[in-house]
Amino acid sequence: MTISMYEASVPVFRRLLANLAGILERAEAWAGERGIEERVLLEARLYPDMFPLVRQVQIAADVATRAVARLADREVSRVEDNETSLAELVARLQGAVAYLDGFE
């Protein structure tokens, strides 16, 4: 059985990014229900030497889009890391999924 590079990458990245966006949407609702500022979640770290959540999500989106662009021998696009809310992170992930949809 053979599998193409597309099949091994794009659907996997799409699913992972969509799942992460869903988790962030639930986190936004959870924080809102409890009166917790989003900034607390955005700056949260599971361990002191880790990047905060906001940076982890940015990296996840970048890895997916850059990997697929390189596999397709396309120019790698740059996205500014300026998200300040969970909604903006979700939008970034949705943009990454839309970018991946441009590959065949």
Protein backbone atom coordinates (compact mmCIF):
# COMPACT_ATOMS: atom_id res chain seq x y z
CA MET A 1 0.00 0.00 0.00
CA THR A 2 1.37 3.39 -0.95
CA ILE A 3 0.51 6.74 0.51
CA SER A 4 1.24 10.13 -1.00
CA MET A 5 2.97 12.95 0.81
CA TYR A 6 -0.30 14.86 0.57
CA GLU A 7 -2.23 12.07 2.30
CA ALA A 8 0.44 11.81 4.98
CA SER A 9 0.50 15.51 5.74
CA VAL A 10 -2.40 17.77 4.75
CA PRO A 11 -5.34 15.76 6.20
CA VAL A 12 -3.37 15.14 9.40
CA PHE A 13 -2.47 18.80 9.84
CA ARG A 14 -6.03 19.90 8.98
CA ARG A 15 -7.52 17.61 11.63
CA LEU A 16 -5.01 18.64 14.29
CA LEU A 17 -5.46 22.36 13.66
CA ALA A 18 -9.26 22.05 13.58
CA ASN A 19 -9.22 20.12 16.86
CA LEU A 20 -6.97 22.72 18.45
CA ALA A 21 -9.31 25.49 17.29
CA GLY A 22 -12.21 23.62 18.89
CA ILE A 23 -10.32 23.32 22.16
CA LEU A 24 -9.56 27.04 22.16
CA GLU A 25 -13.21 27.89 21.48
CA ARG A 26 -14.23 25.77 24.45
CA ALA A 27 -11.52 27.42 26.57
CA GLU A 28 -12.85 30.85 25.61
CA ALA A 29 -16.36 29.86 26.69
CA TRP A 30 -15.06 28.26 29.89
CA ALA A 31 -13.09 31.37 30.84
CA GLY A 32 -16.05 33.61 30.08
CA GLU A 33 -18.39 31.56 32.27
CA ARG A 34 -15.97 31.81 35.19
CA GLY A 35 -14.93 35.42 34.75
CA ILE A 36 -11.32 34.49 34.00
CA GLU A 37 -9.37 36.91 31.83
CA GLU A 38 -8.22 35.35 28.55
CA ARG A 39 -4.74 36.72 29.15
CA VAL A 40 -4.37 34.22 32.03
CA LEU A 41 -4.92 31.34 29.62
CA LEU A 42 -2.87 32.86 26.82
CA GLU A 43 0.15 33.24 29.09
CA ALA A 44 -0.29 29.88 30.83
CA ARG A 45 2.57 27.38 30.75
CA LEU A 46 2.41 23.72 31.68
CA TYR A 47 6.01 23.92 32.85
CA PRO A 48 8.21 26.97 33.53
CA ASP A 49 10.58 26.38 30.59
CA MET A 50 7.77 26.02 28.04
CA PHE A 51 6.44 28.73 25.76
CA PRO A 52 3.09 30.18 26.83
CA LEU A 53 -0.08 28.87 25.16
CA VAL A 54 -0.28 31.74 22.68
CA ARG A 55 3.20 30.92 21.31
CA GLN A 56 2.51 27.17 21.27
CA VAL A 57 -0.56 27.72 19.06
CA GLN A 58 1.35 30.06 16.74
CA ILE A 59 4.06 27.44 16.34
CA ALA A 60 1.51 24.70 15.62
CA ALA A 61 -0.02 26.77 12.80
CA ASP A 62 3.39 27.69 11.41
CA VAL A 63 4.73 24.12 11.44
CA ALA A 64 1.72 22.83 9.51
CA THR A 65 1.68 25.52 6.84
CA ARG A 66 5.43 25.69 6.38
CA ALA A 67 5.86 21.93 6.20
CA VAL A 68 3.24 21.56 3.49
CA ALA A 69 4.59 24.56 1.56
CA ARG A 70 8.07 23.06 1.60
CA LEU A 71 6.81 19.64 0.56
CA ALA A 72 5.02 21.28 -2.39
CA ASP A 73 8.09 23.39 -3.23
CA ARG A 74 6.14 26.62 -2.72
CA GLU A 75 7.19 29.88 -1.14
CA VAL A 76 6.76 29.78 2.61
CA SER A 77 4.46 32.54 3.82
CA ARG A 78 5.05 34.50 7.00
CA VAL A 79 2.32 35.39 9.47
CA GLU A 80 2.86 38.00 12.14
CA ASP A 81 2.71 36.70 15.71
CA ASN A 82 0.41 39.35 17.12
CA GLU A 83 -2.59 37.44 18.51
CA THR A 84 -3.86 38.77 21.82
CA SER A 85 -7.05 36.73 22.31
CA LEU A 86 -8.30 33.19 22.00
CA ALA A 87 -10.60 34.28 19.14
CA GLU A 88 -7.58 35.61 17.23
CA LEU A 89 -5.77 32.31 17.77
CA VAL A 90 -8.79 30.43 16.45
CA ALA A 91 -8.83 32.72 13.41
CA ARG A 92 -5.13 32.01 12.84
CA LEU A 93 -5.78 28.26 12.96
CA GLN A 94 -8.73 28.60 10.60
CA GLY A 95 -6.54 30.61 8.24
CA ALA A 96 -3.92 27.86 8.35
CA VAL A 97 -6.58 25.25 7.52
CA ALA A 98 -7.80 27.42 4.62
CA TYR A 99 -4.21 27.66 3.37
CA LEU A 100 -3.85 23.88 3.52
CA ASP A 101 -7.07 23.54 1.53
CA GLY A 102 -5.22 25.15 -1.37
CA PHE A 103 -3.04 22.06 -1.87
CA GLU A 104 -3.91 18.98 -3.90
